[in-house]
Amino acid sequence: IPNYYIEMVVEVISKYLATNKRLVVPNLGTFIVKKAGEQILFSNLMKGDDGVLRGLLVEDGLSAIEAAAVLDRFVFEANFRLQQGSDCVLKNFGTLRNGENGMLDILSGTFYPNANTKGTFTIEITDKA
């Protein structure tokens, strides 16, 4: 799967979180907006597929099978990098890194609240669902 599909997933996540409270990345975890445009939490306890992210990828033009394959690859690539002790850079969004007690940390990055506004945000990690 070409890298632009991976970038597509990150872009979809970023855009969705600009107007919504949370988004599950199946088998990886959930991004939770604590303060719109400023603070996002990441929990790797909620990993169940609710179908939202896959549906967003389908809306962006992928077939259901392509969307499932892209998500599987995205999660594989993220987990592979993290298992190797590397950072998983989410272009224009933030960086996932292994934290304490098997939790994932996401470092601050750039958040795009909408197409016309760019701002920085702080991301905190929580182990609470």
N, C-alpha and C. Protein backbone atom coordinates (compact mmCIF):
# COMPACT_ATOMS: atom_id res chain seq x y z
N ILE A 1 0.86 -1.19 0.00
CA ILE A 1 0.00 0.00 0.00
C ILE A 1 0.89 1.23 0.00
N PRO A 2 0.71 2.10 -0.98
CA PRO A 2 1.55 3.30 -1.09
C PRO A 2 1.42 4.22 0.13
N ASN A 3 2.50 4.97 0.39
CA ASN A 3 2.53 5.88 1.54
C ASN A 3 1.41 6.91 1.52
N TYR A 4 0.95 7.31 0.33
CA TYR A 4 -0.08 8.34 0.33
C TYR A 4 -1.38 7.85 0.96
N TYR A 5 -1.60 6.54 0.99
CA TYR A 5 -2.77 6.03 1.69
C TYR A 5 -2.59 6.18 3.20
N ILE A 6 -1.37 5.96 3.67
CA ILE A 6 -1.09 6.15 5.09
C ILE A 6 -1.30 7.61 5.46
N GLU A 7 -0.80 8.52 4.62
CA GLU A 7 -0.99 9.95 4.85
C GLU A 7 -2.47 10.32 4.79
N MET A 8 -3.21 9.63 3.93
CA MET A 8 -4.65 9.86 3.81
C MET A 8 -5.35 9.55 5.14
N VAL A 9 -4.95 8.46 5.78
CA VAL A 9 -5.54 8.08 7.07
C VAL A 9 -5.29 9.17 8.11
N VAL A 10 -4.06 9.65 8.18
CA VAL A 10 -3.71 10.70 9.14
C VAL A 10 -4.51 11.97 8.86
N GLU A 11 -4.64 12.33 7.60
CA GLU A 11 -5.41 13.52 7.24
C GLU A 11 -6.88 13.36 7.62
N VAL A 12 -7.44 12.20 7.37
CA VAL A 12 -8.84 11.93 7.72
C VAL A 12 -9.03 12.02 9.24
N ILE A 13 -8.09 11.46 9.99
CA ILE A 13 -8.16 11.54 11.45
C ILE A 13 -8.14 13.00 11.91
N SER A 14 -7.20 13.77 11.38
CA SER A 14 -7.06 15.17 11.77
C SER A 14 -8.31 15.98 11.45
N LYS A 15 -8.84 15.82 10.25
CA LYS A 15 -10.04 16.57 9.86
C LYS A 15 -11.25 16.17 10.70
N TYR A 16 -11.40 14.88 10.94
CA TYR A 16 -12.55 14.41 11.71
C TYR A 16 -12.52 14.95 13.13
N LEU A 17 -11.34 14.96 13.74
CA LEU A 17 -11.23 15.43 15.12
C LEU A 17 -11.41 16.94 15.26
N ALA A 18 -11.39 17.65 14.16
CA ALA A 18 -11.63 19.09 14.21
C ALA A 18 -13.06 19.40 14.60
N THR A 19 -13.97 18.45 14.32
CA THR A 19 -15.39 18.72 14.59
C THR A 19 -16.07 17.61 15.40
N ASN A 20 -15.30 16.62 15.83
CA ASN A 20 -15.87 15.51 16.58
C ASN A 20 -15.05 15.24 17.83
N LYS A 21 -15.64 14.52 18.78
CA LYS A 21 -15.03 14.31 20.09
C LYS A 21 -14.03 13.16 20.15
N ARG A 22 -14.24 12.10 19.33
CA ARG A 22 -13.32 10.97 19.41
C ARG A 22 -13.34 10.17 18.11
N LEU A 23 -12.26 9.43 17.91
CA LEU A 23 -12.16 8.57 16.74
C LEU A 23 -11.31 7.36 17.09
N VAL A 24 -11.89 6.19 16.86
CA VAL A 24 -11.20 4.93 17.12
C VAL A 24 -10.39 4.54 15.89
N VAL A 25 -9.12 4.20 16.13
CA VAL A 25 -8.29 3.56 15.11
C VAL A 25 -8.27 2.09 15.50
N PRO A 26 -9.01 1.25 14.76
CA PRO A 26 -9.15 -0.15 15.17
C PRO A 26 -7.81 -0.83 15.42
N ASN A 27 -7.74 -1.54 16.54
CA ASN A 27 -6.55 -2.29 16.95
C ASN A 27 -5.35 -1.42 17.30
N LEU A 28 -5.55 -0.12 17.46
CA LEU A 28 -4.48 0.77 17.87
C LEU A 28 -4.89 1.57 19.11
N GLY A 29 -6.03 2.27 19.02
CA GLY A 29 -6.50 3.08 20.14
C GLY A 29 -7.44 4.17 19.68
N THR A 30 -7.74 5.08 20.58
CA THR A 30 -8.72 6.13 20.32
C THR A 30 -8.15 7.51 20.63
N PHE A 31 -8.34 8.42 19.68
CA PHE A 31 -8.03 9.83 19.89
C PHE A 31 -9.28 10.47 20.47
N ILE A 32 -9.12 11.19 21.57
CA ILE A 32 -10.24 11.84 22.24
C ILE A 32 -9.94 13.33 22.37
N VAL A 33 -10.83 14.16 21.85
CA VAL A 33 -10.65 15.60 21.92
C VAL A 33 -11.10 16.07 23.29
N LYS A 34 -10.16 16.64 24.04
CA LYS A 34 -10.48 17.17 25.36
C LYS A 34 -10.89 18.63 25.25
N LYS A 35 -10.15 19.39 24.46
CA LYS A 35 -10.47 20.80 24.23
C LYS A 35 -10.27 21.05 22.74
N ALA A 36 -11.35 21.36 22.05
CA ALA A 36 -11.34 21.48 20.59
C ALA A 36 -10.21 22.38 20.10
N GLY A 37 -9.43 21.86 19.17
CA GLY A 37 -8.36 22.61 18.56
C GLY A 37 -7.12 22.78 19.42
N GLU A 38 -7.14 22.26 20.65
CA GLU A 38 -6.02 22.48 21.55
C GLU A 38 -5.48 21.24 22.24
N GLN A 39 -6.37 20.34 22.67
CA GLN A 39 -5.89 19.23 23.47
C GLN A 39 -6.57 17.93 23.06
N ILE A 40 -5.75 16.91 22.79
CA ILE A 40 -6.23 15.60 22.41
C ILE A 40 -5.59 14.57 23.32
N LEU A 41 -6.40 13.62 23.78
CA LEU A 41 -5.91 12.50 24.56
C LEU A 41 -5.84 11.28 23.65
N PHE A 42 -4.98 10.34 23.98
CA PHE A 42 -4.93 9.08 23.25
C PHE A 42 -5.03 7.95 24.25
N SER A 43 -5.96 7.04 24.03
CA SER A 43 -6.11 5.87 24.88
C SER A 43 -5.95 4.63 24.03
N ASN A 44 -5.03 3.75 24.42
CA ASN A 44 -4.91 2.52 23.66
C ASN A 44 -5.73 1.41 24.30
N LEU A 45 -6.65 1.77 25.18
CA LEU A 45 -7.56 0.78 25.76
C LEU A 45 -8.80 0.57 24.90
N MET A 46 -9.24 1.59 24.21
CA MET A 46 -10.42 1.48 23.34
C MET A 46 -9.94 1.25 21.91
N LYS A 47 -9.98 -0.01 21.47
CA LYS A 47 -9.44 -0.36 20.16
C LYS A 47 -10.49 -1.00 19.25
N GLY A 48 -11.68 -1.24 19.78
CA GLY A 48 -12.71 -1.92 19.01
C GLY A 48 -13.15 -1.12 17.80
N ASP A 49 -13.34 -1.78 16.68
CA ASP A 49 -13.72 -1.12 15.44
C ASP A 49 -15.18 -0.72 15.46
N ASP A 50 -15.45 0.58 15.49
CA ASP A 50 -16.83 1.06 15.44
C ASP A 50 -17.25 1.39 14.01
N GLY A 51 -16.35 1.23 13.05
CA GLY A 51 -16.66 1.44 11.64
C GLY A 51 -16.57 2.87 11.16
N VAL A 52 -16.36 3.81 12.06
CA VAL A 52 -16.36 5.23 11.68
C VAL A 52 -15.18 5.57 10.77
N LEU A 53 -13.98 5.21 11.17
CA LEU A 53 -12.80 5.56 10.38
C LEU A 53 -12.85 4.89 9.01
N ARG A 54 -13.23 3.64 8.97
CA ARG A 54 -13.36 2.95 7.68
C ARG A 54 -14.39 3.65 6.80
N GLY A 55 -15.51 4.06 7.41
CA GLY A 55 -16.55 4.79 6.67
C GLY A 55 -16.05 6.11 6.11
N LEU A 56 -15.22 6.81 6.87
CA LEU A 56 -14.65 8.08 6.41
C LEU A 56 -13.73 7.85 5.21
N LEU A 57 -12.98 6.76 5.24
CA LEU A 57 -12.09 6.45 4.11
C LEU A 57 -12.90 6.10 2.86
N VAL A 58 -14.02 5.42 3.05
CA VAL A 58 -14.91 5.11 1.93
C VAL A 58 -15.49 6.41 1.36
N GLU A 59 -15.87 7.33 2.24
CA GLU A 59 -16.38 8.63 1.78
C GLU A 59 -15.34 9.38 0.96
N ASP A 60 -14.05 9.14 1.27
CA ASP A 60 -12.95 9.79 0.54
C ASP A 60 -12.61 9.07 -0.77
N GLY A 61 -13.39 8.03 -1.11
CA GLY A 61 -13.22 7.42 -2.42
C GLY A 61 -12.67 6.00 -2.46
N LEU A 62 -12.34 5.43 -1.31
CA LEU A 62 -11.86 4.05 -1.30
C LEU A 62 -13.04 3.10 -1.26
N SER A 63 -12.85 1.89 -1.78
CA SER A 63 -13.87 0.87 -1.62
C SER A 63 -13.79 0.35 -0.18
N ALA A 64 -14.79 -0.38 0.26
CA ALA A 64 -14.79 -0.92 1.62
C ALA A 64 -13.59 -1.84 1.83
N ILE A 65 -13.26 -2.63 0.83
CA ILE A 65 -12.12 -3.55 0.94
C ILE A 65 -10.82 -2.78 0.98
N GLU A 66 -10.70 -1.74 0.14
CA GLU A 66 -9.48 -0.91 0.16
C GLU A 66 -9.32 -0.21 1.51
N ALA A 67 -10.42 0.32 2.03
CA ALA A 67 -10.38 1.02 3.32
C ALA A 67 -9.93 0.08 4.43
N ALA A 68 -10.45 -1.14 4.44
CA ALA A 68 -10.05 -2.12 5.45
C ALA A 68 -8.56 -2.45 5.31
N ALA A 69 -8.10 -2.61 4.08
CA ALA A 69 -6.68 -2.93 3.84
C ALA A 69 -5.78 -1.77 4.26
N VAL A 70 -6.18 -0.55 3.95
CA VAL A 70 -5.39 0.63 4.31
C VAL A 70 -5.30 0.76 5.83
N LEU A 71 -6.42 0.55 6.52
CA LEU A 71 -6.39 0.62 7.99
C LEU A 71 -5.52 -0.47 8.58
N ASP A 72 -5.63 -1.68 8.05
CA ASP A 72 -4.77 -2.77 8.53
C ASP A 72 -3.30 -2.42 8.36
N ARG A 73 -2.96 -1.88 7.21
CA ARG A 73 -1.57 -1.52 6.94
C ARG A 73 -1.11 -0.38 7.85
N PHE A 74 -1.97 0.61 8.03
CA PHE A 74 -1.66 1.74 8.90
C PHE A 74 -1.33 1.26 10.31
N VAL A 75 -2.19 0.40 10.85
CA VAL A 75 -1.99 -0.13 12.20
C VAL A 75 -0.74 -1.00 12.26
N PHE A 76 -0.53 -1.83 11.23
CA PHE A 76 0.67 -2.67 11.17
C PHE A 76 1.93 -1.80 11.20
N GLU A 77 1.96 -0.78 10.34
CA GLU A 77 3.14 0.10 10.27
C GLU A 77 3.38 0.81 11.60
N ALA A 78 2.31 1.30 12.22
CA ALA A 78 2.44 1.99 13.51
C ALA A 78 2.98 1.03 14.56
N ASN A 79 2.37 -0.14 14.67
CA ASN A 79 2.80 -1.11 15.66
C ASN A 79 4.22 -1.60 15.41
N PHE A 80 4.59 -1.80 14.15
CA PHE A 80 5.93 -2.26 13.81
C PHE A 80 6.97 -1.24 14.27
N ARG A 81 6.74 0.03 13.97
CA ARG A 81 7.68 1.06 14.38
C ARG A 81 7.79 1.13 15.91
N LEU A 82 6.66 1.05 16.57
CA LEU A 82 6.64 1.14 18.03
C LEU A 82 7.33 -0.08 18.66
N GLN A 83 7.11 -1.26 18.10
CA GLN A 83 7.76 -2.46 18.63
C GLN A 83 9.27 -2.42 18.44
N GLN A 84 9.72 -1.71 17.42
CA GLN A 84 11.16 -1.57 17.18
C GLN A 84 11.77 -0.48 18.05
N GLY A 85 10.93 0.19 18.85
CA GLY A 85 11.42 1.26 19.71
C GLY A 85 11.52 2.60 19.00
N SER A 86 10.97 2.67 17.80
CA SER A 86 11.00 3.91 17.02
C SER A 86 9.73 4.71 17.27
N ASP A 87 9.79 5.97 16.88
CA ASP A 87 8.60 6.81 16.91
C ASP A 87 7.78 6.53 15.67
N CYS A 88 6.49 6.72 15.79
CA CYS A 88 5.59 6.61 14.64
C CYS A 88 5.09 8.02 14.35
N VAL A 89 5.66 8.66 13.34
CA VAL A 89 5.33 10.04 13.02
C VAL A 89 4.05 10.07 12.19
N LEU A 90 3.07 10.80 12.68
CA LEU A 90 1.82 11.01 11.96
C LEU A 90 1.92 12.39 11.33
N LYS A 91 2.27 12.42 10.07
CA LYS A 91 2.59 13.66 9.36
C LYS A 91 1.54 14.73 9.59
N ASN A 92 1.99 15.92 9.97
CA ASN A 92 1.13 17.09 10.23
C ASN A 92 0.14 16.87 11.37
N PHE A 93 0.43 15.90 12.25
CA PHE A 93 -0.52 15.64 13.34
C PHE A 93 0.19 15.45 14.67
N GLY A 94 1.13 14.56 14.75
CA GLY A 94 1.83 14.30 16.01
C GLY A 94 2.69 13.07 15.87
N THR A 95 3.23 12.59 16.96
CA THR A 95 4.13 11.44 16.97
C THR A 95 3.73 10.48 18.07
N LEU A 96 3.48 9.22 17.71
CA LEU A 96 3.21 8.18 18.70
C LEU A 96 4.53 7.61 19.18
N ARG A 97 4.62 7.34 20.46
CA ARG A 97 5.84 6.78 21.05
C ARG A 97 5.44 5.85 22.18
N ASN A 98 6.21 4.80 22.38
CA ASN A 98 5.96 3.90 23.50
C ASN A 98 6.14 4.67 24.80
N GLY A 99 5.18 4.48 25.69
CA GLY A 99 5.25 5.13 26.99
C GLY A 99 5.43 4.09 28.09
N GLU A 100 5.14 4.50 29.28
CA GLU A 100 5.27 3.61 30.43
C GLU A 100 4.11 2.62 30.48
N ASN A 101 4.36 1.46 31.10
CA ASN A 101 3.32 0.45 31.33
C ASN A 101 2.62 -0.01 30.06
N GLY A 102 3.33 -0.01 28.93
CA GLY A 102 2.75 -0.49 27.69
C GLY A 102 1.78 0.47 27.03
N MET A 103 1.68 1.67 27.55
CA MET A 103 0.77 2.65 26.97
C MET A 103 1.49 3.40 25.85
N LEU A 104 0.71 3.97 24.94
CA LEU A 104 1.28 4.79 23.89
C LEU A 104 1.18 6.25 24.29
N ASP A 105 2.24 6.99 24.04
CA ASP A 105 2.22 8.44 24.24
C ASP A 105 2.13 9.08 22.88
N ILE A 106 1.44 10.19 22.79
CA ILE A 106 1.45 10.98 21.56
C ILE A 106 2.00 12.35 21.92
N LEU A 107 3.02 12.74 21.21
CA LEU A 107 3.69 14.01 21.48
C LEU A 107 3.00 15.12 20.73
N SER A 108 3.19 16.35 21.17
CA SER A 108 2.53 17.47 20.52
C SER A 108 2.96 17.58 19.06
N GLY A 109 2.06 18.09 18.28
CA GLY A 109 2.31 18.25 16.86
C GLY A 109 1.49 19.40 16.34
N THR A 110 1.06 19.31 15.13
CA THR A 110 0.25 20.36 14.51
C THR A 110 -1.14 19.83 14.27
N PHE A 111 -2.12 20.59 14.64
CA PHE A 111 -3.51 20.19 14.50
C PHE A 111 -4.21 21.18 13.58
N TYR A 112 -4.96 20.68 12.64
CA TYR A 112 -5.68 21.54 11.70
C TYR A 112 -7.16 21.53 12.03
N PRO A 113 -7.63 22.51 12.81
CA PRO A 113 -9.04 22.54 13.20
C PRO A 113 -9.98 22.65 12.00
N ASN A 114 -9.57 23.36 10.97
CA ASN A 114 -10.34 23.37 9.73
C ASN A 114 -9.38 23.72 8.60
N ALA A 115 -9.87 23.74 7.40
CA ALA A 115 -8.99 23.91 6.24
C ALA A 115 -8.26 25.26 6.24
N ASN A 116 -8.82 26.27 6.89
CA ASN A 116 -8.24 27.61 6.82
C ASN A 116 -7.40 27.99 8.04
N THR A 117 -7.44 27.18 9.08
CA THR A 117 -6.77 27.54 10.32
C THR A 117 -5.76 26.49 10.70
N LYS A 118 -4.59 26.95 11.11
CA LYS A 118 -3.57 26.03 11.59
C LYS A 118 -3.14 26.50 12.96
N GLY A 119 -3.08 25.58 13.92
CA GLY A 119 -2.67 25.95 15.26
C GLY A 119 -1.97 24.80 15.94
N THR A 120 -1.26 25.10 16.99
CA THR A 120 -0.60 24.04 17.73
C THR A 120 -1.53 23.54 18.82
N PHE A 121 -1.29 22.34 19.26
CA PHE A 121 -2.12 21.78 20.30
C PHE A 121 -1.26 20.93 21.23
N THR A 122 -1.80 20.65 22.39
CA THR A 122 -1.12 19.81 23.36
C THR A 122 -1.86 18.49 23.44
N ILE A 123 -1.12 17.42 23.46
CA ILE A 123 -1.76 16.11 23.58
C ILE A 123 -1.34 15.48 24.90
N GLU A 124 -2.31 14.99 25.63
CA GLU A 124 -2.03 14.28 26.88
C GLU A 124 -2.37 12.81 26.65
N ILE A 125 -1.81 11.97 27.45
CA ILE A 125 -2.08 10.55 27.37
C ILE A 125 -2.90 10.14 28.58
N THR A 126 -3.85 9.28 28.36
CA THR A 126 -4.65 8.76 29.47
C THR A 126 -4.77 7.26 29.33
N ASP A 127 -4.88 6.58 30.44
CA ASP A 127 -5.12 5.15 30.38
C ASP A 127 -6.56 4.86 30.80
N LYS A 128 -7.36 5.90 30.85
CA LYS A 128 -8.77 5.76 31.21
C LYS A 128 -9.60 5.70 29.94
N ALA A 129 -10.59 4.85 29.95
CA ALA A 129 -11.47 4.72 28.78
C ALA A 129 -12.47 5.85 28.74
